[in-house]
Amino acid sequence: MIVPIYAKVSINIHSGNYADNIVRVQEAGGIEERAASRSSTIIDIMMETGTGKTYTYAKTMFELNREYGIFKFVVIVPTLSIKAGTIDFLNSESARVHFKEQYSKVLCRK
């Protein structure tokens, strides 16, 4: 069962206490508590089609870079057509201008 979370919950990724952070997110979203891996640093963004996933994870990358200096990300998508759409969005002039205005940086794809 997928439960949407709309609450903004602060997570300290440098604390090394991922389990407590995950429990806080679960509590804030009213989600049944599940065991959390202490070594996982995976962020899984699950949203319905057409709701802005690509923008959401691009913005998440910029925020993680700004707040914590993280600059390497792996984005996995399920099909080649979604991969092509993702690359098109990330390389689009409008996305580059938007993120440059907000973060004074652009995505660098390797």
PDB file of N, CA and C in Angstrom:
ATOM      1  N   MET A   1       0.839  -1.182   0.000  1.00  0.00           N
ATOM      2  CA  MET A   1       0.000   0.000   0.000  1.00  0.00           C
ATOM      3  C   MET A   1       0.883   1.243   0.000  1.00  0.00           C
ATOM      4  N   ILE A   2       0.616   2.164  -0.897  1.00  0.00           N
ATOM      5  CA  ILE A   2       1.366   3.412  -0.967  1.00  0.00           C
ATOM      6  C   ILE A   2       0.546   4.493  -0.284  1.00  0.00           C
ATOM      7  N   VAL A   3       1.178   5.172   0.656  1.00  0.00           N
ATOM      8  CA  VAL A   3       0.492   6.221   1.410  1.00  0.00           C
ATOM      9  C   VAL A   3       1.170   7.546   1.100  1.00  0.00           C
ATOM     10  N   PRO A   4       0.427   8.524   0.584  1.00  0.00           N
ATOM     11  CA  PRO A   4       1.060   9.817   0.298  1.00  0.00           C
ATOM     12  C   PRO A   4       1.416  10.552   1.585  1.00  0.00           C
ATOM     13  N   ILE A   5       2.555  11.213   1.562  1.00  0.00           N
ATOM     14  CA  ILE A   5       2.978  12.027   2.703  1.00  0.00           C
ATOM     15  C   ILE A   5       3.020  13.470   2.233  1.00  0.00           C
ATOM     16  N   TYR A   6       2.289  14.334   2.897  1.00  0.00           N
ATOM     17  CA  TYR A   6       2.248  15.740   2.521  1.00  0.00           C
ATOM     18  C   TYR A   6       2.949  16.617   3.541  1.00  0.00           C
ATOM     19  N   ALA A   7       3.358  16.055   4.661  1.00  0.00           N
ATOM     20  CA  ALA A   7       4.000  16.838   5.714  1.00  0.00           C
ATOM     21  C   ALA A   7       5.458  17.083   5.366  1.00  0.00           C
ATOM     22  N   LYS A   8       5.934  18.272   5.674  1.00  0.00           N
ATOM     23  CA  LYS A   8       7.345  18.574   5.496  1.00  0.00           C
ATOM     24  C   LYS A   8       8.059  18.157   6.777  1.00  0.00           C
ATOM     25  N   VAL A   9       8.924  17.177   6.660  1.00  0.00           N
ATOM     26  CA  VAL A   9       9.638  16.655   7.824  1.00  0.00           C
ATOM     27  C   VAL A   9      11.120  16.867   7.607  1.00  0.00           C
ATOM     28  N   SER A  10      11.792  17.418   8.597  1.00  0.00           N
ATOM     29  CA  SER A  10      13.225  17.653   8.534  1.00  0.00           C
ATOM     30  C   SER A  10      13.984  16.359   8.786  1.00  0.00           C
ATOM     31  N   ILE A  11      14.949  16.069   7.940  1.00  0.00           N
ATOM     32  CA  ILE A  11      15.768  14.875   8.109  1.00  0.00           C
ATOM     33  C   ILE A  11      17.229  15.298   8.137  1.00  0.00           C
ATOM     34  N   ASN A  12      17.947  14.871   9.145  1.00  0.00           N
ATOM     35  CA  ASN A  12      19.371  15.171   9.255  1.00  0.00           C
ATOM     36  C   ASN A  12      20.155  13.999   8.698  1.00  0.00           C
ATOM     37  N   ILE A  13      20.647  14.127   7.446  1.00  0.00           N
ATOM     38  CA  ILE A  13      21.340  13.005   6.826  1.00  0.00           C
ATOM     39  C   ILE A  13      22.745  12.820   7.370  1.00  0.00           C
ATOM     40  N   HIS A  14      23.271  13.807   8.074  1.00  0.00           N
ATOM     41  CA  HIS A  14      24.612  13.672   8.632  1.00  0.00           C
ATOM     42  C   HIS A  14      24.614  13.043  10.015  1.00  0.00           C
ATOM     43  N   SER A  15      23.460  12.846  10.607  1.00  0.00           N
ATOM     44  CA  SER A  15      23.422  12.303  11.963  1.00  0.00           C
ATOM     45  C   SER A  15      23.802  10.835  11.992  1.00  0.00           C
ATOM     46  N   GLY A  16      23.704  10.155  10.848  1.00  0.00           N
ATOM     47  CA  GLY A  16      23.997   8.737  10.822  1.00  0.00           C
ATOM     48  C   GLY A  16      22.900   7.917  11.471  1.00  0.00           C
ATOM     49  N   ASN A  17      21.841   8.577  11.877  1.00  0.00           N
ATOM     50  CA  ASN A  17      20.752   7.895  12.559  1.00  0.00           C
ATOM     51  C   ASN A  17      19.543   7.825  11.631  1.00  0.00           C
ATOM     52  N   TYR A  18      19.713   7.106  10.527  1.00  0.00           N
ATOM     53  CA  TYR A  18      18.680   7.036   9.506  1.00  0.00           C
ATOM     54  C   TYR A  18      17.392   6.424  10.041  1.00  0.00           C
ATOM     55  N   ALA A  19      17.525   5.415  10.891  1.00  0.00           N
ATOM     56  CA  ALA A  19      16.332   4.729  11.402  1.00  0.00           C
ATOM     57  C   ALA A  19      15.419   5.712  12.136  1.00  0.00           C
ATOM     58  N   ASP A  20      15.987   6.569  12.994  1.00  0.00           N
ATOM     59  CA  ASP A  20      15.176   7.556  13.714  1.00  0.00           C
ATOM     60  C   ASP A  20      14.546   8.560  12.756  1.00  0.00           C
ATOM     61  N   ASN A  21      15.319   8.974  11.737  1.00  0.00           N
ATOM     62  CA  ASN A  21      14.787   9.904  10.742  1.00  0.00           C
ATOM     63  C   ASN A  21      13.605   9.288  10.000  1.00  0.00           C
ATOM     64  N   ILE A  22      13.731   8.028   9.621  1.00  0.00           N
ATOM     65  CA  ILE A  22      12.657   7.359   8.891  1.00  0.00           C
ATOM     66  C   ILE A  22      11.428   7.211   9.772  1.00  0.00           C
ATOM     67  N   VAL A  23      11.633   6.870  11.033  1.00  0.00           N
ATOM     68  CA  VAL A  23      10.506   6.745  11.969  1.00  0.00           C
ATOM     69  C   VAL A  23       9.788   8.086  12.095  1.00  0.00           C
ATOM     70  N   ARG A  24      10.528   9.205  12.152  1.00  0.00           N
ATOM     71  CA  ARG A  24       9.907  10.532  12.242  1.00  0.00           C
ATOM     72  C   ARG A  24       9.041  10.811  11.017  1.00  0.00           C
ATOM     73  N   VAL A  25       9.539  10.446   9.832  1.00  0.00           N
ATOM     74  CA  VAL A  25       8.769  10.646   8.605  1.00  0.00           C
ATOM     75  C   VAL A  25       7.510   9.779   8.634  1.00  0.00           C
ATOM     76  N   GLN A  26       7.661   8.534   9.068  1.00  0.00           N
ATOM     77  CA  GLN A  26       6.506   7.639   9.147  1.00  0.00           C
ATOM     78  C   GLN A  26       5.467   8.177  10.126  1.00  0.00           C
ATOM     79  N   GLU A  27       5.912   8.654  11.275  1.00  0.00           N
ATOM     80  CA  GLU A  27       4.984   9.202  12.271  1.00  0.00           C
ATOM     81  C   GLU A  27       4.272  10.440  11.735  1.00  0.00           C
ATOM     82  N   ALA A  28       5.027  11.329  11.072  1.00  0.00           N
ATOM     83  CA  ALA A  28       4.439  12.562  10.536  1.00  0.00           C
ATOM     84  C   ALA A  28       3.398  12.258   9.467  1.00  0.00           C
ATOM     85  N   GLY A  29       3.615  11.181   8.709  1.00  0.00           N
ATOM     86  CA  GLY A  29       2.683  10.827   7.646  1.00  0.00           C
ATOM     87  C   GLY A  29       1.616   9.841   8.070  1.00  0.00           C
ATOM     88  N   GLY A  30       1.618   9.461   9.352  1.00  0.00           N
ATOM     89  CA  GLY A  30       0.633   8.500   9.834  1.00  0.00           C
ATOM     90  C   GLY A  30       0.797   7.128   9.199  1.00  0.00           C
ATOM     91  N   ILE A  31       2.041   6.763   8.907  1.00  0.00           N
ATOM     92  CA  ILE A  31       2.339   5.491   8.248  1.00  0.00           C
ATOM     93  C   ILE A  31       2.723   4.459   9.301  1.00  0.00           C
ATOM     94  N   GLU A  32       2.243   3.241   9.118  1.00  0.00           N
ATOM     95  CA  GLU A  32       2.603   2.153  10.025  1.00  0.00           C
ATOM     96  C   GLU A  32       4.125   1.995  10.035  1.00  0.00           C
ATOM     97  N   GLU A  33       4.702   1.950  11.227  1.00  0.00           N
ATOM     98  CA  GLU A  33       6.160   1.871  11.348  1.00  0.00           C
ATOM     99  C   GLU A  33       6.673   0.540  10.815  1.00  0.00           C
ATOM    100  N   ARG A  34       7.747   0.632  10.032  1.00  0.00           N
ATOM    101  CA  ARG A  34       8.423  -0.555   9.501  1.00  0.00           C
ATOM    102  C   ARG A  34       9.899  -0.441   9.847  1.00  0.00           C
ATOM    103  N   ALA A  35      10.570  -1.558   9.890  1.00  0.00           N
ATOM    104  CA  ALA A  35      12.007  -1.561  10.188  1.00  0.00           C
ATOM    105  C   ALA A  35      12.742  -0.785   9.100  1.00  0.00           C
ATOM    106  N   ALA A  36      13.728  -0.004   9.513  1.00  0.00           N
ATOM    107  CA  ALA A  36      14.515   0.795   8.572  1.00  0.00           C
ATOM    108  C   ALA A  36      15.955   0.320   8.583  1.00  0.00           C
ATOM    109  N   SER A  37      16.556   0.282   7.402  1.00  0.00           N
ATOM    110  CA  SER A  37      17.962  -0.089   7.301  1.00  0.00           C
ATOM    111  C   SER A  37      18.824   1.053   7.810  1.00  0.00           C
ATOM    112  N   ARG A  38      19.776   0.744   8.636  1.00  0.00           N
ATOM    113  CA  ARG A  38      20.646   1.773   9.203  1.00  0.00           C
ATOM    114  C   ARG A  38      21.691   2.270   8.204  1.00  0.00           C
ATOM    115  N   SER A  39      21.922   1.529   7.130  1.00  0.00           N
ATOM    116  CA  SER A  39      22.965   1.934   6.189  1.00  0.00           C
ATOM    117  C   SER A  39      22.415   2.481   4.874  1.00  0.00           C
ATOM    118  N   SER A  40      21.115   2.484   4.685  1.00  0.00           N
ATOM    119  CA  SER A  40      20.523   2.908   3.423  1.00  0.00           C
ATOM    120  C   SER A  40      20.521   4.428   3.287  1.00  0.00           C
ATOM    121  N   THR A  41      20.893   4.897   2.109  1.00  0.00           N
ATOM    122  CA  THR A  41      20.807   6.325   1.795  1.00  0.00           C
ATOM    123  C   THR A  41      19.951   6.522   0.542  1.00  0.00           C
ATOM    124  N   ILE A  42      19.070   5.595   0.285  1.00  0.00           N
ATOM    125  CA  ILE A  42      18.231   5.627  -0.911  1.00  0.00           C
ATOM    126  C   ILE A  42      17.014   6.511  -0.676  1.00  0.00           C
ATOM    127  N   ILE A  43      16.741   7.370  -1.638  1.00  0.00           N
ATOM    128  CA  ILE A  43      15.515   8.159  -1.631  1.00  0.00           C
ATOM    129  C   ILE A  43      14.679   7.645  -2.791  1.00  0.00           C
ATOM    130  N   ASP A  44      13.502   7.147  -2.504  1.00  0.00           N
ATOM    131  CA  ASP A  44      12.625   6.582  -3.519  1.00  0.00           C
ATOM    132  C   ASP A  44      11.426   7.513  -3.686  1.00  0.00           C
ATOM    133  N   ILE A  45      11.347   8.178  -4.841  1.00  0.00           N
ATOM    134  CA  ILE A  45      10.252   9.106  -5.109  1.00  0.00           C
ATOM    135  C   ILE A  45       9.210   8.373  -5.944  1.00  0.00           C
ATOM    136  N   MET A  46       8.064   8.085  -5.322  1.00  0.00           N
ATOM    137  CA  MET A  46       6.990   7.366  -6.011  1.00  0.00           C
ATOM    138  C   MET A  46       5.787   8.288  -6.134  1.00  0.00           C
ATOM    139  N   MET A  47       5.427   8.599  -7.384  1.00  0.00           N
ATOM    140  CA  MET A  47       4.305   9.492  -7.647  1.00  0.00           C
ATOM    141  C   MET A  47       3.547   8.975  -8.860  1.00  0.00           C
ATOM    142  N   GLU A  48       2.313   9.400  -9.001  1.00  0.00           N
ATOM    143  CA  GLU A  48       1.496   9.021 -10.149  1.00  0.00           C
ATOM    144  C   GLU A  48       2.068   9.640 -11.429  1.00  0.00           C
ATOM    145  N   THR A  49       1.706   9.071 -12.561  1.00  0.00           N
ATOM    146  CA  THR A  49       2.127   9.578 -13.863  1.00  0.00           C
ATOM    147  C   THR A  49       1.628  11.011 -14.057  1.00  0.00           C
ATOM    148  N   GLY A  50       2.524  11.872 -14.550  1.00  0.00           N
ATOM    149  CA  GLY A  50       2.139  13.237 -14.881  1.00  0.00           C
ATOM    150  C   GLY A  50       2.058  14.192 -13.710  1.00  0.00           C
ATOM    151  N   THR A  51       2.631  13.823 -12.563  1.00  0.00           N
ATOM    152  CA  THR A  51       2.541  14.686 -11.377  1.00  0.00           C
ATOM    153  C   THR A  51       3.840  15.422 -11.071  1.00  0.00           C
ATOM    154  N   GLY A  52       4.851  15.263 -11.911  1.00  0.00           N
ATOM    155  CA  GLY A  52       6.077  16.027 -11.728  1.00  0.00           C
ATOM    156  C   GLY A  52       7.222  15.294 -11.054  1.00  0.00           C
ATOM    157  N   LYS A  53       7.337  13.983 -11.283  1.00  0.00           N
ATOM    158  CA  LYS A  53       8.429  13.212 -10.668  1.00  0.00           C
ATOM    159  C   LYS A  53       9.796  13.737 -11.096  1.00  0.00           C
ATOM    160  N   THR A  54       9.967  13.943 -12.397  1.00  0.00           N
ATOM    161  CA  THR A  54      11.276  14.366 -12.895  1.00  0.00           C
ATOM    162  C   THR A  54      11.678  15.692 -12.267  1.00  0.00           C
ATOM    163  N   TYR A  55      10.762  16.640 -12.221  1.00  0.00           N
ATOM    164  CA  TYR A  55      11.049  17.920 -11.574  1.00  0.00           C
ATOM    165  C   TYR A  55      11.348  17.708 -10.092  1.00  0.00           C
ATOM    166  N   THR A  56      10.566  16.849  -9.444  1.00  0.00           N
ATOM    167  CA  THR A  56      10.739  16.614  -8.006  1.00  0.00           C
ATOM    168  C   THR A  56      12.114  16.050  -7.701  1.00  0.00           C
ATOM    169  N   TYR A  57      12.563  15.049  -8.461  1.00  0.00           N
ATOM    170  CA  TYR A  57      13.886  14.526  -8.117  1.00  0.00           C
ATOM    171  C   TYR A  57      15.005  15.441  -8.583  1.00  0.00           C
ATOM    172  N   ALA A  58      14.798  16.227  -9.640  1.00  0.00           N
ATOM    173  CA  ALA A  58      15.815  17.215 -10.012  1.00  0.00           C
ATOM    174  C   ALA A  58      15.951  18.259  -8.905  1.00  0.00           C
ATOM    175  N   LYS A  59      14.830  18.757  -8.406  1.00  0.00           N
ATOM    176  CA  LYS A  59      14.861  19.739  -7.315  1.00  0.00           C
ATOM    177  C   LYS A  59      15.464  19.125  -6.053  1.00  0.00           C
ATOM    178  N   THR A  60      15.146  17.853  -5.783  1.00  0.00           N
ATOM    179  CA  THR A  60      15.725  17.161  -4.628  1.00  0.00           C
ATOM    180  C   THR A  60      17.243  17.111  -4.741  1.00  0.00           C
ATOM    181  N   MET A  61      17.760  16.861  -5.946  1.00  0.00           N
ATOM    182  CA  MET A  61      19.214  16.838  -6.143  1.00  0.00           C
ATOM    183  C   MET A  61      19.824  18.206  -5.853  1.00  0.00           C
ATOM    184  N   PHE A  62      19.191  19.262  -6.342  1.00  0.00           N
ATOM    185  CA  PHE A  62      19.702  20.605  -6.074  1.00  0.00           C
ATOM    186  C   PHE A  62      19.664  20.929  -4.588  1.00  0.00           C
ATOM    187  N   GLU A  63      18.582  20.553  -3.913  1.00  0.00           N
ATOM    188  CA  GLU A  63      18.465  20.815  -2.474  1.00  0.00           C
ATOM    189  C   GLU A  63      19.519  20.041  -1.686  1.00  0.00           C
ATOM    190  N   LEU A  64      19.730  18.769  -2.029  1.00  0.00           N
ATOM    191  CA  LEU A  64      20.750  17.971  -1.339  1.00  0.00           C
ATOM    192  C   LEU A  64      22.143  18.538  -1.587  1.00  0.00           C
ATOM    193  N   ASN A  65      22.370  19.060  -2.787  1.00  0.00           N
ATOM    194  CA  ASN A  65      23.651  19.698  -3.070  1.00  0.00           C
ATOM    195  C   ASN A  65      23.816  20.967  -2.251  1.00  0.00           C
ATOM    196  N   ARG A  66      22.781  21.790  -2.214  1.00  0.00           N
ATOM    197  CA  ARG A  66      22.863  23.057  -1.480  1.00  0.00           C
ATOM    198  C   ARG A  66      23.027  22.832   0.022  1.00  0.00           C
ATOM    199  N   GLU A  67      22.230  21.929   0.581  1.00  0.00           N
ATOM    200  CA  GLU A  67      22.231  21.729   2.031  1.00  0.00           C
ATOM    201  C   GLU A  67      23.398  20.892   2.534  1.00  0.00           C
ATOM    202  N   TYR A  68      23.818  19.882   1.733  1.00  0.00           N
ATOM    203  CA  TYR A  68      24.787  18.915   2.248  1.00  0.00           C
ATOM    204  C   TYR A  68      26.012  18.721   1.365  1.00  0.00           C
ATOM    205  N   GLY A  69      26.083  19.416   0.234  1.00  0.00           N
ATOM    206  CA  GLY A  69      27.248  19.297  -0.631  1.00  0.00           C
ATOM    207  C   GLY A  69      27.298  18.002  -1.440  1.00  0.00           C
ATOM    208  N   ILE A  70      26.210  17.254  -1.465  1.00  0.00           N
ATOM    209  CA  ILE A  70      26.171  16.013  -2.243  1.00  0.00           C
ATOM    210  C   ILE A  70      26.085  16.387  -3.720  1.00  0.00           C
ATOM    211  N   PHE A  71      26.928  15.763  -4.543  1.00  0.00           N
ATOM    212  CA  PHE A  71      26.925  16.151  -5.948  1.00  0.00           C
ATOM    213  C   PHE A  71      26.884  14.977  -6.920  1.00  0.00           C
ATOM    214  N   LYS A  72      26.794  13.764  -6.427  1.00  0.00           N
ATOM    215  CA  LYS A  72      26.686  12.607  -7.319  1.00  0.00           C
ATOM    216  C   LYS A  72      25.380  11.886  -7.033  1.00  0.00           C
ATOM    217  N   PHE A  73      24.612  11.650  -8.081  1.00  0.00           N
ATOM    218  CA  PHE A  73      23.311  11.013  -7.951  1.00  0.00           C
ATOM    219  C   PHE A  73      23.145   9.971  -9.045  1.00  0.00           C
ATOM    220  N   VAL A  74      22.432   8.919  -8.745  1.00  0.00           N
ATOM    221  CA  VAL A  74      22.068   7.908  -9.736  1.00  0.00           C
ATOM    222  C   VAL A  74      20.550   7.920  -9.838  1.00  0.00           C
ATOM    223  N   VAL A  75      20.053   8.132 -11.043  1.00  0.00           N
ATOM    224  CA  VAL A  75      18.611   8.138 -11.278  1.00  0.00           C
ATOM    225  C   VAL A  75      18.288   6.899 -12.104  1.00  0.00           C
ATOM    226  N   ILE A  76      17.393   6.074 -11.588  1.00  0.00           N
ATOM    227  CA  ILE A  76      17.002   4.848 -12.281  1.00  0.00           C
ATOM    228  C   ILE A  76      15.540   4.977 -12.696  1.00  0.00           C
ATOM    229  N   VAL A  77      15.286   4.731 -13.976  1.00  0.00           N
ATOM    230  CA  VAL A  77      13.914   4.787 -14.497  1.00  0.00           C
ATOM    231  C   VAL A  77      13.584   3.437 -15.138  1.00  0.00           C
ATOM    232  N   PRO A  78      12.294   3.079 -15.221  1.00  0.00           N
ATOM    233  CA  PRO A  78      11.928   1.724 -15.641  1.00  0.00           C
ATOM    234  C   PRO A  78      11.981   1.420 -17.140  1.00  0.00           C
ATOM    235  N   THR A  79      11.921   2.440 -17.998  1.00  0.00           N
ATOM    236  CA  THR A  79      11.896   2.153 -19.440  1.00  0.00           C
ATOM    237  C   THR A  79      12.783   3.135 -20.201  1.00  0.00           C
ATOM    238  N   LEU A  80      13.148   2.736 -21.418  1.00  0.00           N
ATOM    239  CA  LEU A  80      13.974   3.611 -22.257  1.00  0.00           C
ATOM    240  C   LEU A  80      13.233   4.884 -22.639  1.00  0.00           C
ATOM    241  N   SER A  81      11.921   4.794 -22.836  1.00  0.00           N
ATOM    242  CA  SER A  81      11.170   6.001 -23.206  1.00  0.00           C
ATOM    243  C   SER A  81      11.139   6.995 -22.041  1.00  0.00           C
ATOM    244  N   ILE A  82      11.025   6.504 -20.816  1.00  0.00           N
ATOM    245  CA  ILE A  82      11.060   7.400 -19.654  1.00  0.00           C
ATOM    246  C   ILE A  82      12.462   7.980 -19.497  1.00  0.00           C
ATOM    247  N   LYS A  83      13.483   7.167 -19.774  1.00  0.00           N
ATOM    248  CA  LYS A  83      14.863   7.663 -19.723  1.00  0.00           C
ATOM    249  C   LYS A  83      15.041   8.808 -20.718  1.00  0.00           C
ATOM    250  N   ALA A  84      14.539   8.627 -21.935  1.00  0.00           N
ATOM    251  CA  ALA A  84      14.659   9.668 -22.960  1.00  0.00           C
ATOM    252  C   ALA A  84      13.936  10.938 -22.526  1.00  0.00           C
ATOM    253  N   GLY A  85      12.729  10.790 -21.967  1.00  0.00           N
ATOM    254  CA  GLY A  85      11.984  11.957 -21.489  1.00  0.00           C
ATOM    255  C   GLY A  85      12.688  12.659 -20.345  1.00  0.00           C
ATOM    256  N   THR A  86      13.294  11.874 -19.459  1.00  0.00           N
ATOM    257  CA  THR A  86      14.036  12.439 -18.331  1.00  0.00           C
ATOM    258  C   THR A  86      15.234  13.238 -18.828  1.00  0.00           C
ATOM    259  N   ILE A  87      15.984  12.656 -19.747  1.00  0.00           N
ATOM    260  CA  ILE A  87      17.151  13.347 -20.306  1.00  0.00           C
ATOM    261  C   ILE A  87      16.716  14.616 -21.031  1.00  0.00           C
ATOM    262  N   ASP A  88      15.636  14.531 -21.807  1.00  0.00           N
ATOM    263  CA  ASP A  88      15.128  15.717 -22.509  1.00  0.00           C
ATOM    264  C   ASP A  88      14.774  16.826 -21.520  1.00  0.00           C
ATOM    265  N   PHE A  89      14.098  16.468 -20.430  1.00  0.00           N
ATOM    266  CA  PHE A  89      13.733  17.472 -19.426  1.00  0.00           C
ATOM    267  C   PHE A  89      14.980  18.086 -18.793  1.00  0.00           C
ATOM    268  N   LEU A  90      15.901  17.238 -18.349  1.00  0.00           N
ATOM    269  CA  LEU A  90      17.090  17.744 -17.656  1.00  0.00           C
ATOM    270  C   LEU A  90      17.971  18.598 -18.564  1.00  0.00           C
ATOM    271  N   ASN A  91      17.951  18.310 -19.866  1.00  0.00           N
ATOM    272  CA  ASN A  91      18.751  19.088 -20.818  1.00  0.00           C
ATOM    273  C   ASN A  91      17.981  20.250 -21.431  1.00  0.00           C
ATOM    274  N   SER A  92      16.699  20.381 -21.115  1.00  0.00           N
ATOM    275  CA  SER A  92      15.892  21.435 -21.729  1.00  0.00           C
ATOM    276  C   SER A  92      16.343  22.814 -21.259  1.00  0.00           C
ATOM    277  N   GLU A  93      16.196  23.764 -22.143  1.00  0.00           N
ATOM    278  CA  GLU A  93      16.579  25.141 -21.823  1.00  0.00           C
ATOM    279  C   GLU A  93      15.759  25.673 -20.657  1.00  0.00           C
ATOM    280  N   SER A  94      14.474  25.352 -20.633  1.00  0.00           N
ATOM    281  CA  SER A  94      13.621  25.872 -19.558  1.00  0.00           C
ATOM    282  C   SER A  94      14.041  25.324 -18.191  1.00  0.00           C
ATOM    283  N   ALA A  95      14.391  24.037 -18.119  1.00  0.00           N
ATOM    284  CA  ALA A  95      14.848  23.467 -16.840  1.00  0.00           C
ATOM    285  C   ALA A  95      16.184  24.076 -16.436  1.00  0.00           C
ATOM    286  N   ARG A  96      17.085  24.232 -17.406  1.00  0.00           N
ATOM    287  CA  ARG A  96      18.405  24.803 -17.090  1.00  0.00           C
ATOM    288  C   ARG A  96      18.255  26.234 -16.563  1.00  0.00           C
ATOM    289  N   VAL A  97      17.414  27.032 -17.217  1.00  0.00           N
ATOM    290  CA  VAL A  97      17.194  28.416 -16.781  1.00  0.00           C
ATOM    291  C   VAL A  97      16.535  28.439 -15.404  1.00  0.00           C
ATOM    292  N   HIS A  98      15.514  27.616 -15.218  1.00  0.00           N
ATOM    293  CA  HIS A  98      14.790  27.579 -13.940  1.00  0.00           C
ATOM    294  C   HIS A  98      15.726  27.254 -12.776  1.00  0.00           C
ATOM    295  N   PHE A  99      16.496  26.181 -12.907  1.00  0.00           N
ATOM    296  CA  PHE A  99      17.365  25.781 -11.797  1.00  0.00           C
ATOM    297  C   PHE A  99      18.546  26.731 -11.631  1.00  0.00           C
ATOM    298  N   LYS A 100      19.005  27.336 -12.720  1.00  0.00           N
ATOM    299  CA  LYS A 100      20.078  28.330 -12.600  1.00  0.00           C
ATOM    300  C   LYS A 100      19.573  29.552 -11.841  1.00  0.00           C
ATOM    301  N   GLU A 101      18.328  29.956 -12.091  1.00  0.00           N
ATOM    302  CA  GLU A 101      17.746  31.090 -11.358  1.00  0.00           C
ATOM    303  C   GLU A 101      17.581  30.768  -9.874  1.00  0.00           C
ATOM    304  N   GLN A 102      17.170  29.541  -9.553  1.00  0.00           N
ATOM    305  CA  GLN A 102      16.931  29.176  -8.157  1.00  0.00           C
ATOM    306  C   GLN A 102      18.201  28.833  -7.387  1.00  0.00           C
ATOM    307  N   TYR A 103      19.179  28.210  -8.064  1.00  0.00           N
ATOM    308  CA  TYR A 103      20.347  27.685  -7.351  1.00  0.00           C
ATOM    309  C   TYR A 103      21.683  28.205  -7.879  1.00  0.00           C
ATOM    310  N   SER A 104      21.656  29.023  -8.910  1.00  0.00           N
ATOM    311  CA  SER A 104      22.880  29.525  -9.551  1.00  0.00           C
ATOM    312  C   SER A 104      23.765  28.387 -10.048  1.00  0.00           C
ATOM    313  N   LYS A 105      23.137  27.254 -10.392  1.00  0.00           N
ATOM    314  CA  LYS A 105      23.859  26.087 -10.900  1.00  0.00           C
ATOM    315  C   LYS A 105      23.004  25.412 -11.963  1.00  0.00           C
ATOM    316  N   VAL A 106      23.655  24.592 -12.782  1.00  0.00           N
ATOM    317  CA  VAL A 106      22.929  23.768 -13.745  1.00  0.00           C
ATOM    318  C   VAL A 106      23.339  22.313 -13.540  1.00  0.00           C
ATOM    319  N   LEU A 107      22.474  21.393 -13.968  1.00  0.00           N
ATOM    320  CA  LEU A 107      22.800  19.975 -13.875  1.00  0.00           C
ATOM    321  C   LEU A 107      23.895  19.631 -14.864  1.00  0.00           C
ATOM    322  N   CYS A 108      24.803  18.812 -14.439  1.00  0.00           N
ATOM    323  CA  CYS A 108      25.859  18.319 -15.317  1.00  0.00           C
ATOM    324  C   CYS A 108      25.639  16.824 -15.475  1.00  0.00           C
ATOM    325  N   ARG A 109      25.336  16.392 -16.680  1.00  0.00           N
ATOM    326  CA  ARG A 109      25.046  14.980 -16.922  1.00  0.00           C
ATOM    327  C   ARG A 109      26.275  14.290 -17.485  1.00  0.00           C
ATOM    328  N   LYS A 110      26.633  13.152 -16.908  1.00  0.00           N
ATOM    329  CA  LYS A 110      27.792  12.392 -17.409  1.00  0.00           C
ATOM    330  C   LYS A 110      27.354  11.061 -17.923  1.00  0.00           C
TER     331      LYS A 110
END
